[in-house]
C-alpha atoms as a PDB file:
ATOM      1  CA  UNK A   1       0.212 -21.632   6.232  1.00  0.00           C
ATOM      2  CA  UNK A   2       1.136 -20.434   2.278  1.00  0.00           C
ATOM      3  CA  UNK A   3       1.794 -22.814  -0.811  1.00  0.00           C
ATOM      4  CA  UNK A   4       3.231 -21.186  -4.139  1.00  0.00           C
ATOM      5  CA  UNK A   5       2.843 -23.031  -7.378  1.00  0.00           C
ATOM      6  CA  UNK A   6       5.885 -22.447  -9.712  1.00  0.00           C
ATOM      7  CA  UNK A   7       5.128 -22.973 -13.525  1.00  0.00           C
ATOM      8  CA  UNK A   8       7.883 -23.201 -15.984  1.00  0.00           C
ATOM      9  CA  UNK A   9       6.315 -22.755 -19.364  1.00  0.00           C
ATOM     10  CA  UNK A  10       6.831 -23.366 -23.113  1.00  0.00           C
ATOM     11  CA  UNK A  11       8.567 -20.563 -25.452  1.00  0.00           C
ATOM     12  CA  UNK A  12       6.416 -18.201 -27.039  1.00  0.00           C
ATOM     13  CA  UNK A  13       3.595 -18.840 -24.038  1.00  0.00           C
ATOM     14  CA  UNK A  14       2.115 -15.596 -24.474  1.00  0.00           C
ATOM     15  CA  UNK A  15       0.418 -16.718 -27.772  1.00  0.00           C
ATOM     16  CA  UNK A  16       0.687 -20.329 -27.040  1.00  0.00           C
ATOM     17  CA  UNK A  17      -1.914 -20.292 -23.759  1.00  0.00           C
ATOM     18  CA  UNK A  18      -4.307 -18.077 -25.714  1.00  0.00           C
ATOM     19  CA  UNK A  19      -6.808 -20.105 -26.437  1.00  0.00           C
ATOM     20  CA  UNK A  20      -6.812 -21.798 -22.999  1.00  0.00           C
ATOM     21  CA  UNK A  21      -6.752 -18.073 -21.908  1.00  0.00           C
ATOM     22  CA  UNK A  22     -10.358 -18.081 -20.585  1.00  0.00           C
ATOM     23  CA  UNK A  23     -11.314 -21.941 -18.961  1.00  0.00           C
ATOM     24  CA  UNK A  24      -7.332 -20.907 -17.183  1.00  0.00           C
ATOM     25  CA  UNK A  25      -8.872 -17.598 -15.739  1.00  0.00           C
ATOM     26  CA  UNK A  26     -12.055 -19.436 -14.976  1.00  0.00           C
ATOM     27  CA  UNK A  27     -10.546 -21.960 -13.024  1.00  0.00           C
ATOM     28  CA  UNK A  28      -8.091 -19.223 -10.816  1.00  0.00           C
ATOM     29  CA  UNK A  29     -11.523 -16.806 -10.219  1.00  0.00           C
ATOM     30  CA  UNK A  30     -12.743 -20.304  -9.013  1.00  0.00           C
ATOM     31  CA  UNK A  31     -10.118 -21.251  -6.442  1.00  0.00           C
ATOM     32  CA  UNK A  32     -10.089 -17.102  -5.525  1.00  0.00           C
ATOM     33  CA  UNK A  33     -13.842 -17.178  -4.857  1.00  0.00           C
ATOM     34  CA  UNK A  34     -13.173 -20.590  -2.216  1.00  0.00           C
ATOM     35  CA  UNK A  35     -10.378 -18.634  -0.459  1.00  0.00           C
ATOM     36  CA  UNK A  36      -7.630 -20.870  -1.671  1.00  0.00           C
ATOM     37  CA  UNK A  37      -5.820 -18.777  -3.724  1.00  0.00           C
ATOM     38  CA  UNK A  38      -4.428 -15.422  -2.693  1.00  0.00           C
ATOM     39  CA  UNK A  39      -2.583 -14.220  -5.245  1.00  0.00           C
ATOM     40  CA  UNK A  40      -1.810 -15.258  -9.105  1.00  0.00           C
ATOM     41  CA  UNK A  41      -0.138 -13.857 -12.217  1.00  0.00           C
ATOM     42  CA  UNK A  42       2.511 -14.577 -15.174  1.00  0.00           C
ATOM     43  CA  UNK A  43       6.197 -13.649 -14.594  1.00  0.00           C
ATOM     44  CA  UNK A  44       7.295 -10.567 -17.284  1.00  0.00           C
ATOM     45  CA  UNK A  45      10.989  -9.322 -18.983  1.00  0.00           C
ATOM     46  CA  UNK A  46      10.975 -12.681 -19.917  1.00  0.00           C
ATOM     47  CA  UNK A  47       7.934 -13.764 -19.740  1.00  0.00           C
ATOM     48  CA  UNK A  48       8.842 -17.380 -18.894  1.00  0.00           C
ATOM     49  CA  UNK A  49       7.049 -18.572 -15.678  1.00  0.00           C
ATOM     50  CA  UNK A  50       4.272 -18.053 -13.533  1.00  0.00           C
ATOM     51  CA  UNK A  51       3.428 -17.701  -9.761  1.00  0.00           C
ATOM     52  CA  UNK A  52       0.290 -18.610  -7.489  1.00  0.00           C
ATOM     53  CA  UNK A  53       0.180 -18.612  -4.087  1.00  0.00           C
ATOM     54  CA  UNK A  54      -2.280 -20.551  -2.151  1.00  0.00           C
ATOM     55  CA  UNK A  55      -3.449 -20.898   1.449  1.00  0.00           C
ATOM     56  CA  UNK A  56      -4.381 -23.764   3.210  1.00  0.00           C
ATOM     57  CA  UNK A  57      -2.907 -26.402   5.270  1.00  0.00           C
ATOM     58  CA  UNK A  58      -1.542 -28.785   3.249  1.00  0.00           C
ATOM     59  CA  UNK A  59      -0.121 -28.312  -0.819  1.00  0.00           C
ATOM     60  CA  UNK A  60      -3.346 -30.236  -1.902  1.00  0.00           C
ATOM     61  CA  UNK A  61      -5.510 -27.099  -3.334  1.00  0.00           C
ATOM     62  CA  UNK A  62      -2.177 -26.107  -5.259  1.00  0.00           C
ATOM     63  CA  UNK A  63      -1.463 -29.318  -6.638  1.00  0.00           C
ATOM     64  CA  UNK A  64      -5.130 -30.152  -7.543  1.00  0.00           C
ATOM     65  CA  UNK A  65      -5.458 -26.996  -9.076  1.00  0.00           C
ATOM     66  CA  UNK A  66      -1.918 -27.184 -11.394  1.00  0.00           C
ATOM     67  CA  UNK A  67      -3.056 -31.214 -12.637  1.00  0.00           C
ATOM     68  CA  UNK A  68      -6.849 -29.656 -13.061  1.00  0.00           C
ATOM     69  CA  UNK A  69      -5.179 -26.332 -15.188  1.00  0.00           C
ATOM     70  CA  UNK A  70      -5.708 -26.293 -19.552  1.00  0.00           C
ATOM     71  CA  UNK A  71      -2.242 -24.885 -19.458  1.00  0.00           C
ATOM     72  CA  UNK A  72      -0.716 -27.386 -17.759  1.00  0.00           C
ATOM     73  CA  UNK A  73      -3.236 -30.159 -19.977  1.00  0.00           C
ATOM     74  CA  UNK A  74      -2.292 -28.870 -22.950  1.00  0.00           C
ATOM     75  CA  UNK A  75       1.219 -28.623 -22.522  1.00  0.00           C
ATOM     76  CA  UNK A  76       1.756 -24.779 -22.110  1.00  0.00           C
ATOM     77  CA  UNK A  77       3.379 -25.108 -18.832  1.00  0.00           C
ATOM     78  CA  UNK A  78       6.146 -27.991 -19.220  1.00  0.00           C
ATOM     79  CA  UNK A  79       6.978 -28.573 -15.575  1.00  0.00           C
ATOM     80  CA  UNK A  80       5.044 -27.468 -12.278  1.00  0.00           C
ATOM     81  CA  UNK A  81       6.360 -27.334  -8.493  1.00  0.00           C
ATOM     82  CA  UNK A  82       4.901 -26.685  -4.984  1.00  0.00           C
ATOM     83  CA  UNK A  83       6.896 -25.166  -2.680  1.00  0.00           C
ATOM     84  CA  UNK A  84       5.554 -24.657   1.164  1.00  0.00           C
ATOM     85  CA  UNK A  85       6.460 -20.508   1.899  1.00  0.00           C
ATOM     86  CA  UNK A  86       7.152 -19.599   5.366  1.00  0.00           C
ATOM     87  CA  UNK A  87       5.173 -16.427   5.409  1.00  0.00           C
ATOM     88  CA  UNK A  88       6.121 -14.017   8.280  1.00  0.00           C
ATOM     89  CA  UNK A  89       3.629 -10.991   7.586  1.00  0.00           C
ATOM     90  CA  UNK A  90       0.804  -9.990   5.206  1.00  0.00           C
ATOM     91  CA  UNK A  91      -2.698 -10.451   4.470  1.00  0.00           C
ATOM     92  CA  UNK A  92      -3.644 -14.396   6.462  1.00  0.00           C
ATOM     93  CA  UNK A  93      -0.854 -14.256   8.975  1.00  0.00           C
ATOM     94  CA  UNK A  94      -1.785 -15.319  12.739  1.00  0.00           C
END
């Protein structure tokens, strides 16, 4: 099962994320290394959000990630939400 973490970000996100980027990427790498995070990246043109795709039986990994993410805790992400994604084809589909 997949869960998508959506980030809505502040204006001038690319500049404002800079002080927290390394800590954010460390969290990303750790989640990916544990097999929880499948894909992650910022939206561009315009740079107004990000998507992170998690794999698991519940939304817990995605929710925990967001609560610890320095982008969230430092106000660079103004809102986040997790949605279950009913994937039908691709890597990790039984």
